[in-house]
Amino acid sequence: MDFFGPREVLIVVIALVFIAMVLDGIRRVKHNRYEKLQMSSRKLQRTGGGAADEPDELQNAQFPSGGSRVVGIRDEADIQQVEESLRRSSATTDFNFSRQPQQEQFDLDNSIFDRERAQLNELNAREAEQRSRTASTEKTGDAAQQDVLVMHLMASKGERIQGQALLDAVLACGFLFGGNKFFDRHINDDGTGEVLFSLANLLNPGTFDLKTMAEMETPGVTLFMVLDQLTDPVSAFDTMVEAVNKLVAELHLNVMDESRSSMTKQTIDHYRQRATSASAQREQSGE
């Protein structure tokens, strides 16, 4: 039995020819791609100038997938577009960096202004307190040239002295309401003789009003003694300390010195020494 007749032989020959043509076409396509790559590589070497004569280190590098390969070159439009993008990115970064120091400087200026405002407020408070002291001493008559002992009796922070309780405690300590609208402590209990010391309101103008005192509130009171006007400053000072102790016990107050610092034993001794010095000066003057 013949398997291959003339017809079958012709079909096989035609199939082989067709296969050969397909293989040849594939070979030509690969060859054309290879030539294009070679031409691109030569063009890159020409545009590189003198660098084309030197071996490329990347081509000799040992990568995991083999040596480096030239896969293509961007045209002029692509390069310009990339450069423009880089310039915009750089400008944005520079802008952000340039703004940050300015913001820090602004915050620093604000902190300086805050400190200056705090210092100004403190200075104003000191000046106001100084004016208050000056006004208080003027009530005693030319106190700038006199030696005046001052004690402040103040309620605890956030609290107030009730007017009726203050009035009852002051009268119990032997004070009498004087014509200058202060409470005065005389040398005699009946209100006669020289005034040893006086009690004023801590709030300006420092006076009291008997008609409304029961309804008033105050953060504290001030006791002051003019040493130069007293016959016996030391005895008067002891009487003043006794009155202070009674008011503190009755109204639960805090004792402050003339600078409104907490009264200490050393400050009391210093006040007594001033009273002793005033008494000695009086004796020397022969009064």
Protein backbone atom coordinates (compact mmCIF):
# COMPACT_ATOMS: atom_id res chain seq x y z
CA MET A 1 0.00 0.00 0.00
CA ASP A 2 1.50 3.31 -1.01
CA PHE A 3 1.33 6.00 1.64
CA PHE A 4 2.89 8.75 -0.37
CA GLY A 5 1.59 9.44 -3.78
CA PRO A 6 2.44 12.39 -5.96
CA ARG A 7 -0.28 14.46 -4.28
CA GLU A 8 0.93 13.80 -0.75
CA VAL A 9 4.54 14.58 -1.72
CA LEU A 10 3.44 17.92 -3.18
CA ILE A 11 1.57 18.83 0.03
CA VAL A 12 4.61 18.02 2.18
CA VAL A 13 6.90 20.14 -0.04
CA ILE A 14 4.49 23.09 0.10
CA ALA A 15 4.29 22.83 3.91
CA LEU A 16 8.07 22.77 4.21
CA VAL A 17 8.39 25.80 1.96
CA PHE A 18 5.79 27.66 4.03
CA ILE A 19 7.60 26.82 7.26
CA ALA A 20 10.89 28.00 5.78
CA MET A 21 9.32 31.30 4.79
CA VAL A 22 7.92 31.82 8.29
CA LEU A 23 11.26 31.07 9.91
CA ASP A 24 13.02 33.42 7.51
CA GLY A 25 10.56 36.19 8.34
CA ILE A 26 11.15 35.73 12.05
CA ARG A 27 14.89 35.85 11.48
CA ARG A 28 14.61 39.08 9.51
CA VAL A 29 12.50 40.74 12.22
CA LYS A 30 15.02 39.87 14.93
CA HIS A 31 17.86 41.04 12.68
CA ASN A 32 16.16 44.42 12.11
CA ARG A 33 15.64 44.92 15.88
CA TYR A 34 19.25 44.10 16.55
CA GLU A 35 20.42 46.63 13.91
CA LYS A 36 18.19 49.36 15.44
CA LEU A 37 19.64 48.72 18.88
CA GLN A 38 23.16 48.86 17.48
CA MET A 39 22.43 52.14 15.69
CA SER A 40 20.95 53.67 18.87
CA SER A 41 24.02 52.63 20.83
CA ARG A 42 26.37 54.20 18.28
CA LYS A 43 24.30 57.41 18.25
CA LEU A 44 24.56 57.62 22.06
CA GLN A 45 28.33 57.18 21.89
CA ARG A 46 28.64 59.97 19.32
CA THR A 47 26.60 62.45 21.42
CA GLY A 48 28.70 61.59 24.47
CA GLY A 49 31.83 63.17 22.95
CA GLY A 50 35.07 62.13 24.53
CA ALA A 51 33.28 59.88 26.95
CA ALA A 52 32.58 57.45 24.08
CA ASP A 53 36.22 56.47 23.97
CA GLU A 54 36.21 55.43 27.63
CA PRO A 55 34.69 52.10 28.68
CA ASP A 56 31.40 52.38 30.55
CA GLU A 57 31.71 50.99 34.07
CA LEU A 58 28.04 50.07 34.07
CA GLN A 59 28.53 47.84 31.00
CA ASN A 60 31.16 45.86 32.86
CA ALA A 61 29.25 45.76 36.11
CA GLN A 62 28.14 42.41 37.40
CA PHE A 63 24.34 42.61 37.94
CA PRO A 64 22.32 39.57 38.96
CA SER A 65 20.77 39.42 35.48
CA GLY A 66 24.04 40.03 33.63
CA GLY A 67 25.73 43.11 32.28
CA SER A 68 23.92 46.41 31.72
CA ARG A 69 22.14 47.04 28.43
CA VAL A 70 21.18 50.17 26.50
CA VAL A 71 17.41 49.93 26.08
CA GLY A 72 16.58 53.31 24.49
CA ILE A 73 16.99 57.06 24.63
CA ARG A 74 14.36 59.72 25.33
CA ASP A 75 13.91 62.42 22.70
CA GLU A 76 14.44 66.17 23.34
CA ALA A 77 10.79 66.85 24.24
CA ASP A 78 10.80 64.15 26.93
CA ILE A 79 14.04 65.43 28.43
CA GLN A 80 12.76 69.01 28.58
CA GLN A 81 9.52 67.83 30.19
CA VAL A 82 11.45 65.92 32.87
CA GLU A 83 13.72 68.91 33.54
CA GLU A 84 10.70 71.21 33.86
CA SER A 85 9.10 68.83 36.35
CA LEU A 86 12.31 68.72 38.37
CA ARG A 87 12.54 72.52 38.41
CA ARG A 88 8.96 72.83 39.67
CA SER A 89 9.57 70.24 42.37
CA SER A 90 12.76 72.03 43.42
CA ALA A 91 10.98 75.41 43.52
CA THR A 92 8.21 74.00 45.71
CA THR A 93 10.74 72.48 48.11
CA ASP A 94 12.74 75.69 48.32
CA PHE A 95 9.54 77.64 48.96
CA ASN A 96 8.57 75.39 51.86
CA PHE A 97 12.03 75.57 53.36
CA SER A 98 12.19 79.32 52.99
CA ARG A 99 8.87 79.80 54.80
CA GLN A 100 9.73 77.70 57.83
CA PRO A 101 12.41 79.99 59.34
CA GLN A 102 10.09 82.97 58.88
CA GLN A 103 7.36 81.22 60.85
CA GLU A 104 9.82 80.38 63.63
CA GLN A 105 11.02 83.98 63.69
CA PHE A 106 7.42 85.20 63.96
CA ASP A 107 6.77 82.91 66.92
CA LEU A 108 9.96 84.13 68.56
CA ASP A 109 8.88 87.72 68.11
CA ASN A 110 5.53 86.93 69.69
CA SER A 111 7.27 85.38 72.70
CA ILE A 112 9.41 88.52 73.03
CA PHE A 113 6.32 90.70 72.87
CA ASP A 114 4.67 88.54 75.53
CA ARG A 115 7.66 89.02 77.84
CA GLU A 116 7.68 92.76 77.22
CA ARG A 117 3.96 93.00 77.96
CA ALA A 118 4.44 90.99 81.17
CA GLN A 119 7.28 93.26 82.26
CA LEU A 120 5.20 96.35 81.45
CA ASN A 121 2.25 95.01 83.46
CA GLU A 122 4.54 94.28 86.39
CA LEU A 123 6.02 97.79 86.21
CA ASN A 124 2.54 99.35 86.12
CA ALA A 125 1.51 97.28 89.13
CA ARG A 126 4.55 98.45 91.07
CA GLU A 127 3.88 102.07 90.18
CA ALA A 128 0.24 101.74 91.24
CA GLU A 129 1.29 100.21 94.55
CA GLN A 130 3.82 102.99 95.08
CA ARG A 131 1.18 105.63 94.42
CA SER A 132 -1.13 103.87 96.89
CA ARG A 133 1.57 103.92 99.54
CA THR A 134 2.29 107.58 98.89
CA ALA A 135 -1.40 108.46 99.19
CA SER A 136 -1.68 106.48 102.42
CA THR A 137 1.33 108.16 104.03
CA GLU A 138 0.12 111.62 102.96
CA LYS A 139 -3.00 111.09 105.09
CA THR A 140 -0.79 111.01 108.20
CA GLY A 141 0.77 114.40 107.35
CA ASP A 142 4.05 114.81 105.45
CA ALA A 143 4.96 111.13 105.97
CA ALA A 144 7.81 111.36 103.45
CA GLN A 145 9.95 112.91 106.18
CA GLN A 146 8.63 110.74 109.00
CA ASP A 147 9.31 107.20 110.17
CA VAL A 148 6.09 105.23 109.70
CA LEU A 149 5.58 101.61 110.72
CA VAL A 150 3.07 99.76 108.51
CA MET A 151 1.40 96.36 108.92
CA HIS A 152 -1.13 94.86 106.52
CA LEU A 153 -3.75 92.39 107.74
CA MET A 154 -5.11 90.52 104.72
CA ALA A 155 -7.67 87.79 104.17
CA SER A 156 -6.62 84.55 102.52
CA LYS A 157 -6.51 84.45 98.72
CA GLY A 158 -9.98 84.51 97.22
CA GLU A 159 -11.63 85.55 100.51
CA ARG A 160 -12.92 88.88 101.88
CA ILE A 161 -13.38 90.43 105.32
CA GLN A 162 -17.04 91.08 106.06
CA GLY A 163 -17.73 94.65 107.17
CA GLN A 164 -19.83 93.84 110.24
CA ALA A 165 -17.30 91.33 111.58
CA LEU A 166 -14.49 93.84 111.00
CA LEU A 167 -16.38 96.59 112.82
CA ASP A 168 -17.07 94.38 115.85
CA ALA A 169 -13.42 93.23 116.07
CA VAL A 170 -12.01 96.75 115.67
CA LEU A 171 -14.23 98.21 118.40
CA ALA A 172 -13.35 95.30 120.70
CA CYS A 173 -9.66 96.19 120.34
CA GLY A 174 -10.27 99.75 121.59
CA PHE A 175 -10.38 101.59 118.25
CA LEU A 176 -12.67 104.59 117.79
CA PHE A 177 -13.93 106.04 114.54
CA GLY A 178 -12.12 109.33 113.93
CA GLY A 179 -12.89 112.47 112.02
CA ASN A 180 -10.46 111.43 109.27
CA LYS A 181 -12.69 108.37 108.65
CA PHE A 182 -9.99 106.03 110.00
CA PHE A 183 -10.22 103.95 113.17
CA ASP A 184 -7.79 105.42 115.72
CA ARG A 185 -6.32 103.77 118.83
CA HIS A 186 -5.76 106.37 121.53
CA ILE A 187 -3.46 106.09 124.51
CA ASN A 188 -6.53 106.04 126.78
CA ASP A 189 -9.42 103.64 126.37
CA ASP A 190 -11.98 106.45 126.59
CA GLY A 191 -10.63 108.00 123.38
CA THR A 192 -8.56 110.73 124.97
CA GLY A 193 -4.86 111.45 124.65
CA GLU A 194 -2.58 111.08 121.65
CA VAL A 195 -3.30 108.68 118.82
CA LEU A 196 -0.93 105.71 118.97
CA PHE A 197 -1.79 104.18 115.60
CA SER A 198 -4.63 104.04 113.09
CA LEU A 199 -6.43 101.45 110.97
CA ALA A 200 -7.31 102.17 107.32
CA ASN A 201 -9.08 100.27 104.57
CA LEU A 202 -6.74 98.46 102.19
CA LEU A 203 -8.92 99.63 99.30
CA ASN A 204 -8.55 103.18 98.02
CA PRO A 205 -9.11 105.79 99.29
CA GLY A 206 -8.50 103.91 102.55
CA THR A 207 -11.43 105.35 104.50
CA PHE A 208 -14.55 103.77 106.03
CA ASP A 209 -18.19 104.79 106.00
CA LEU A 210 -20.02 103.78 109.17
CA LYS A 211 -23.39 103.96 107.40
CA THR A 212 -22.49 101.25 104.89
CA MET A 213 -19.72 99.39 106.71
CA ALA A 214 -21.94 96.50 107.74
CA GLU A 215 -22.59 95.64 104.07
CA MET A 216 -19.06 96.26 102.78
CA GLU A 217 -16.32 93.72 102.02
CA THR A 218 -12.58 94.31 101.86
CA PRO A 219 -9.52 92.14 101.18
CA GLY A 220 -7.71 93.63 104.17
CA VAL A 221 -6.82 96.56 106.40
CA THR A 222 -3.67 98.56 107.09
CA LEU A 223 -2.34 99.63 110.49
CA PHE A 224 0.18 102.49 110.55
CA MET A 225 2.07 104.28 113.28
CA VAL A 226 3.97 107.58 112.94
CA LEU A 227 6.92 107.09 115.31
CA ASP A 228 8.07 110.73 115.21
CA GLN A 229 4.75 111.94 116.69
CA LEU A 230 4.66 109.59 119.70
CA THR A 231 5.76 110.27 123.23
CA ASP A 232 6.72 106.63 123.86
CA PRO A 233 7.16 104.82 120.49
CA VAL A 234 8.22 101.52 122.07
CA SER A 235 5.16 101.25 124.32
CA ALA A 236 2.91 102.29 121.42
CA PHE A 237 4.45 99.60 119.22
CA ASP A 238 3.78 96.92 121.86
CA THR A 239 0.14 98.04 122.02
CA MET A 240 -0.05 97.83 118.21
CA VAL A 241 1.31 94.27 118.21
CA GLU A 242 -1.27 93.28 120.83
CA ALA A 243 -4.10 94.71 118.70
CA VAL A 244 -2.78 92.92 115.60
CA ASN A 245 -2.77 89.59 117.42
CA LYS A 246 -6.39 90.07 118.51
CA LEU A 247 -7.58 90.98 115.00
CA VAL A 248 -5.74 88.03 113.47
CA ALA A 249 -7.24 85.60 115.95
CA GLU A 250 -10.76 86.99 115.54
CA LEU A 251 -10.84 87.39 111.72
CA HIS A 252 -8.28 84.74 110.68
CA LEU A 253 -6.07 87.17 108.79
CA ASN A 254 -2.50 87.06 107.49
CA VAL A 255 0.06 89.58 108.73
CA MET A 256 2.20 91.30 106.07
CA ASP A 257 4.96 93.88 106.39
CA GLU A 258 5.11 97.21 104.54
CA SER A 259 6.28 95.43 101.34
CA ARG A 260 3.37 92.97 101.67
CA SER A 261 5.66 90.07 102.48
CA SER A 262 4.79 87.66 105.27
CA MET A 263 5.65 89.11 108.65
CA THR A 264 8.50 87.27 110.39
CA LYS A 265 10.05 87.48 113.85
CA GLN A 266 13.02 89.25 112.31
CA THR A 267 10.72 91.91 110.84
CA ILE A 268 9.01 92.41 114.22
CA ASP A 269 12.43 92.85 115.88
CA HIS A 270 13.40 95.33 113.17
CA TYR A 271 10.21 97.34 113.72
CA ARG A 272 10.83 97.40 117.50
CA GLN A 273 14.38 98.58 116.86
CA ARG A 274 13.04 101.44 114.75
CA ALA A 275 10.68 102.38 117.57
CA THR A 276 13.60 102.29 120.03
CA SER A 277 15.69 104.50 117.73
CA ALA A 278 12.83 106.99 117.41
CA SER A 279 12.50 107.08 121.21
CA ALA A 280 16.25 107.69 121.59
CA GLN A 281 16.19 110.53 119.08
CA ARG A 282 13.27 112.12 120.93
CA GLU A 283 15.16 112.00 124.21
CA GLN A 284 18.25 113.53 122.59
CA SER A 285 16.19 116.38 121.17
CA GLY A 286 14.90 117.13 124.72
CA GLU A 287 11.23 116.89 123.79
